[in-house]
Amino acid sequence: MNVITTLKDKRREKQIKYERSVLRDLSLSMLKERVNQYFGSTRIASSLLMNTGIEEACYDLALEAYLLGAKYSKFGYYGETIEQVRQRCFYEEKHLIDTLYNFLLYWGSGEEGSLSESLYYNCEQYVYTWWKDGFDKGERRHKLRLH
């Protein structure tokens, strides 16, 4: 008896295989270092980062942004500029930024009123940095034909 697989299943398998190969370049120490770099100096986040659940949420969003950049890197390989590619995934990137920002505000200790704008910019830069790293790694993989 033959097993019937759908195109959707094949695409999902290929996507998972690609994501695994891209994630091999990351290390936990790099994730920790970047969380401390972007959120360690702020008063709100420094009190929050004592909680490992908050830190793990930052790691999760970093991985999602990294994979988003790697996914859209094929457009950069085919000749689009980085700004054009960012416009393609504007809504997905905005969703990641808003998710991280709202998560940090929700778990904040109530002192985020005057600092919430700077916290949003930190979240924006954090997500963009991970997106750009994923984009660069993905573009390099396309050039080396490792996709």
C-alpha atoms as a PDB file:
ATOM      1  CA  MET A   1       0.000   0.000   0.000  1.00  0.00           C
ATOM      2  CA  ASN A   2       1.360   3.438  -0.912  1.00  0.00           C
ATOM      3  CA  VAL A   3       1.525   6.352   1.467  1.00  0.00           C
ATOM      4  CA  ILE A   4      -0.102   9.465   0.097  1.00  0.00           C
ATOM      5  CA  THR A   5       1.599  12.712   0.997  1.00  0.00           C
ATOM      6  CA  THR A   6       0.343  16.131   0.104  1.00  0.00           C
ATOM      7  CA  LEU A   7       2.269  19.073  -1.246  1.00  0.00           C
ATOM      8  CA  LYS A   8       1.615  20.923   1.994  1.00  0.00           C
ATOM      9  CA  ASP A   9       3.336  18.174   3.988  1.00  0.00           C
ATOM     10  CA  LYS A  10       6.344  18.195   1.658  1.00  0.00           C
ATOM     11  CA  ARG A  11       6.675  21.971   1.925  1.00  0.00           C
ATOM     12  CA  ARG A  12       6.482  21.806   5.693  1.00  0.00           C
ATOM     13  CA  GLU A  13       9.173  19.109   5.823  1.00  0.00           C
ATOM     14  CA  LYS A  14      11.428  21.185   3.571  1.00  0.00           C
ATOM     15  CA  GLN A  15      10.838  24.280   5.698  1.00  0.00           C
ATOM     16  CA  ILE A  16      11.678  22.434   8.922  1.00  0.00           C
ATOM     17  CA  LYS A  17      14.834  20.999   7.370  1.00  0.00           C
ATOM     18  CA  TYR A  18      15.937  24.481   6.245  1.00  0.00           C
ATOM     19  CA  GLU A  19      15.180  26.033   9.647  1.00  0.00           C
ATOM     20  CA  ARG A  20      17.208  23.365  11.427  1.00  0.00           C
ATOM     21  CA  SER A  21      20.171  23.931   9.150  1.00  0.00           C
ATOM     22  CA  VAL A  22      20.009  27.714   9.667  1.00  0.00           C
ATOM     23  CA  LEU A  23      19.693  27.428  13.451  1.00  0.00           C
ATOM     24  CA  ARG A  24      22.916  25.446  13.710  1.00  0.00           C
ATOM     25  CA  ASP A  25      24.837  28.739  13.523  1.00  0.00           C
ATOM     26  CA  LEU A  26      23.319  30.101  16.738  1.00  0.00           C
ATOM     27  CA  SER A  27      24.535  29.536  20.250  1.00  0.00           C
ATOM     28  CA  LEU A  28      22.872  30.053  23.603  1.00  0.00           C
ATOM     29  CA  SER A  29      25.671  32.360  24.732  1.00  0.00           C
ATOM     30  CA  MET A  30      24.995  34.636  21.733  1.00  0.00           C
ATOM     31  CA  LEU A  31      21.317  34.794  22.682  1.00  0.00           C
ATOM     32  CA  LYS A  32      22.118  35.627  26.326  1.00  0.00           C
ATOM     33  CA  GLU A  33      24.671  38.246  25.340  1.00  0.00           C
ATOM     34  CA  ARG A  34      22.282  40.058  23.032  1.00  0.00           C
ATOM     35  CA  VAL A  35      19.435  40.039  25.571  1.00  0.00           C
ATOM     36  CA  ASN A  36      21.756  41.658  28.110  1.00  0.00           C
ATOM     37  CA  GLN A  37      23.018  44.106  25.495  1.00  0.00           C
ATOM     38  CA  TYR A  38      19.557  45.384  24.585  1.00  0.00           C
ATOM     39  CA  PHE A  39      17.605  44.969  27.803  1.00  0.00           C
ATOM     40  CA  GLY A  40      20.200  44.708  30.561  1.00  0.00           C
ATOM     41  CA  SER A  41      20.717  48.443  30.922  1.00  0.00           C
ATOM     42  CA  THR A  42      17.068  49.479  31.243  1.00  0.00           C
ATOM     43  CA  ARG A  43      15.557  49.657  34.693  1.00  0.00           C
ATOM     44  CA  ILE A  44      12.383  47.787  33.756  1.00  0.00           C
ATOM     45  CA  ALA A  45      13.968  44.970  31.869  1.00  0.00           C
ATOM     46  CA  SER A  46      16.852  44.489  34.281  1.00  0.00           C
ATOM     47  CA  SER A  47      14.375  43.704  37.041  1.00  0.00           C
ATOM     48  CA  LEU A  48      12.414  41.479  34.650  1.00  0.00           C
ATOM     49  CA  LEU A  49      15.407  39.547  33.380  1.00  0.00           C
ATOM     50  CA  MET A  50      15.837  37.971  36.773  1.00  0.00           C
ATOM     51  CA  ASN A  51      12.820  35.891  35.802  1.00  0.00           C
ATOM     52  CA  THR A  52      13.928  33.090  33.464  1.00  0.00           C
ATOM     53  CA  GLY A  53      10.522  32.982  31.762  1.00  0.00           C
ATOM     54  CA  ILE A  54      10.996  36.526  30.479  1.00  0.00           C
ATOM     55  CA  GLU A  55      14.494  35.725  29.250  1.00  0.00           C
ATOM     56  CA  GLU A  56      13.245  32.632  27.444  1.00  0.00           C
ATOM     57  CA  ALA A  57      10.508  34.685  25.776  1.00  0.00           C
ATOM     58  CA  CYS A  58      13.216  37.026  24.468  1.00  0.00           C
ATOM     59  CA  TYR A  59      15.072  33.975  23.131  1.00  0.00           C
ATOM     60  CA  ASP A  60      11.938  32.690  21.418  1.00  0.00           C
ATOM     61  CA  LEU A  61      11.300  36.006  19.703  1.00  0.00           C
ATOM     62  CA  ALA A  62      14.953  36.231  18.689  1.00  0.00           C
ATOM     63  CA  LEU A  63      14.722  32.821  17.044  1.00  0.00           C
ATOM     64  CA  GLU A  64      11.493  33.769  15.271  1.00  0.00           C
ATOM     65  CA  ALA A  65      13.035  36.994  13.952  1.00  0.00           C
ATOM     66  CA  TYR A  66      16.177  35.124  12.880  1.00  0.00           C
ATOM     67  CA  LEU A  67      14.135  32.525  10.997  1.00  0.00           C
ATOM     68  CA  LEU A  68      11.991  35.239   9.422  1.00  0.00           C
ATOM     69  CA  GLY A  69      15.109  36.957   8.087  1.00  0.00           C
ATOM     70  CA  ALA A  70      16.483  33.663   6.799  1.00  0.00           C
ATOM     71  CA  LYS A  71      13.183  32.862   5.107  1.00  0.00           C
ATOM     72  CA  TYR A  72      13.079  36.179   3.250  1.00  0.00           C
ATOM     73  CA  SER A  73      16.785  36.137   2.360  1.00  0.00           C
ATOM     74  CA  LYS A  74      16.049  34.445  -0.952  1.00  0.00           C
ATOM     75  CA  PHE A  75      14.662  37.761  -2.218  1.00  0.00           C
ATOM     76  CA  GLY A  76      17.929  39.476  -1.339  1.00  0.00           C
ATOM     77  CA  TYR A  77      19.812  36.784  -3.181  1.00  0.00           C
ATOM     78  CA  TYR A  78      17.695  37.407  -6.267  1.00  0.00           C
ATOM     79  CA  GLY A  79      18.541  41.120  -6.319  1.00  0.00           C
ATOM     80  CA  GLU A  80      16.244  43.040  -3.987  1.00  0.00           C
ATOM     81  CA  THR A  81      17.726  45.490  -1.512  1.00  0.00           C
ATOM     82  CA  ILE A  82      17.451  44.845   2.199  1.00  0.00           C
ATOM     83  CA  GLU A  83      14.847  47.629   2.560  1.00  0.00           C
ATOM     84  CA  GLN A  84      12.672  46.117  -0.144  1.00  0.00           C
ATOM     85  CA  VAL A  85      12.859  42.760   1.575  1.00  0.00           C
ATOM     86  CA  ARG A  86      11.971  44.352   4.920  1.00  0.00           C
ATOM     87  CA  GLN A  87       8.883  45.846   3.314  1.00  0.00           C
ATOM     88  CA  ARG A  88       7.837  42.343   2.227  1.00  0.00           C
ATOM     89  CA  CYS A  89       7.810  41.082   5.794  1.00  0.00           C
ATOM     90  CA  PHE A  90       6.767  44.335   7.476  1.00  0.00           C
ATOM     91  CA  TYR A  91       3.673  42.902   9.164  1.00  0.00           C
ATOM     92  CA  GLU A  92       5.417  39.796  10.465  1.00  0.00           C
ATOM     93  CA  GLU A  93       8.291  41.855  11.891  1.00  0.00           C
ATOM     94  CA  LYS A  94       5.872  44.377  13.412  1.00  0.00           C
ATOM     95  CA  HIS A  95       3.977  41.514  15.031  1.00  0.00           C
ATOM     96  CA  LEU A  96       7.181  40.213  16.637  1.00  0.00           C
ATOM     97  CA  ILE A  97       8.103  43.680  17.924  1.00  0.00           C
ATOM     98  CA  ASP A  98       4.632  44.279  19.355  1.00  0.00           C
ATOM     99  CA  THR A  99       4.569  40.830  20.946  1.00  0.00           C
ATOM    100  CA  LEU A 100       7.864  41.375  22.745  1.00  0.00           C
ATOM    101  CA  TYR A 101       6.947  44.904  23.803  1.00  0.00           C
ATOM    102  CA  ASN A 102       3.526  43.924  25.150  1.00  0.00           C
ATOM    103  CA  PHE A 103       5.003  40.917  26.903  1.00  0.00           C
ATOM    104  CA  LEU A 104       7.575  43.086  28.689  1.00  0.00           C
ATOM    105  CA  LEU A 105       4.941  45.662  29.587  1.00  0.00           C
ATOM    106  CA  TYR A 106       2.591  43.005  30.922  1.00  0.00           C
ATOM    107  CA  TRP A 107       5.221  41.481  33.173  1.00  0.00           C
ATOM    108  CA  GLY A 108       6.606  44.888  34.167  1.00  0.00           C
ATOM    109  CA  SER A 109       6.398  46.153  37.698  1.00  0.00           C
ATOM    110  CA  GLY A 110       4.282  49.223  36.887  1.00  0.00           C
ATOM    111  CA  GLU A 111       7.149  51.692  36.456  1.00  0.00           C
ATOM    112  CA  GLU A 112       7.164  51.572  32.653  1.00  0.00           C
ATOM    113  CA  GLY A 113       5.029  54.697  32.119  1.00  0.00           C
ATOM    114  CA  SER A 114       7.721  57.185  31.152  1.00  0.00           C
ATOM    115  CA  LEU A 115      10.129  54.583  29.800  1.00  0.00           C
ATOM    116  CA  SER A 116       7.720  52.696  27.563  1.00  0.00           C
ATOM    117  CA  GLU A 117       8.787  54.520  24.390  1.00  0.00           C
ATOM    118  CA  SER A 118      12.457  53.693  24.901  1.00  0.00           C
ATOM    119  CA  LEU A 119      11.501  50.113  25.713  1.00  0.00           C
ATOM    120  CA  TYR A 120       9.623  49.916  22.406  1.00  0.00           C
ATOM    121  CA  TYR A 121      12.678  51.177  20.526  1.00  0.00           C
ATOM    122  CA  ASN A 122      14.826  48.590  22.299  1.00  0.00           C
ATOM    123  CA  CYS A 123      12.393  45.867  21.234  1.00  0.00           C
ATOM    124  CA  GLU A 124      12.419  47.204  17.690  1.00  0.00           C
ATOM    125  CA  GLN A 125      16.211  47.194  17.499  1.00  0.00           C
ATOM    126  CA  TYR A 126      16.438  43.770  19.118  1.00  0.00           C
ATOM    127  CA  VAL A 127      14.075  42.192  16.587  1.00  0.00           C
ATOM    128  CA  TYR A 128      15.689  44.022  13.672  1.00  0.00           C
ATOM    129  CA  THR A 129      19.185  42.893  14.675  1.00  0.00           C
ATOM    130  CA  TRP A 130      18.109  39.263  14.808  1.00  0.00           C
ATOM    131  CA  TRP A 131      16.187  39.619  11.544  1.00  0.00           C
ATOM    132  CA  LYS A 132      19.257  41.085   9.838  1.00  0.00           C
ATOM    133  CA  ASP A 133      21.502  38.303  11.184  1.00  0.00           C
ATOM    134  CA  GLY A 134      19.104  35.702   9.833  1.00  0.00           C
ATOM    135  CA  PHE A 135      18.884  37.547   6.527  1.00  0.00           C
ATOM    136  CA  ASP A 136      22.674  37.668   6.175  1.00  0.00           C
ATOM    137  CA  LYS A 137      23.105  33.989   7.073  1.00  0.00           C
ATOM    138  CA  GLY A 138      20.304  32.947   4.735  1.00  0.00           C
ATOM    139  CA  GLU A 139      21.689  35.013   1.880  1.00  0.00           C
ATOM    140  CA  ARG A 140      25.103  33.462   2.437  1.00  0.00           C
ATOM    141  CA  ARG A 141      23.538  29.995   2.368  1.00  0.00           C
ATOM    142  CA  HIS A 142      21.843  30.821  -0.917  1.00  0.00           C
ATOM    143  CA  LYS A 143      25.129  32.001  -2.410  1.00  0.00           C
ATOM    144  CA  LEU A 144      26.803  28.780  -1.321  1.00  0.00           C
ATOM    145  CA  ARG A 145      23.772  26.812  -2.602  1.00  0.00           C
ATOM    146  CA  LEU A 146      23.106  25.253   0.799  1.00  0.00           C
ATOM    147  CA  HIS A 147      19.363  25.986   0.774  1.00  0.00           C
END
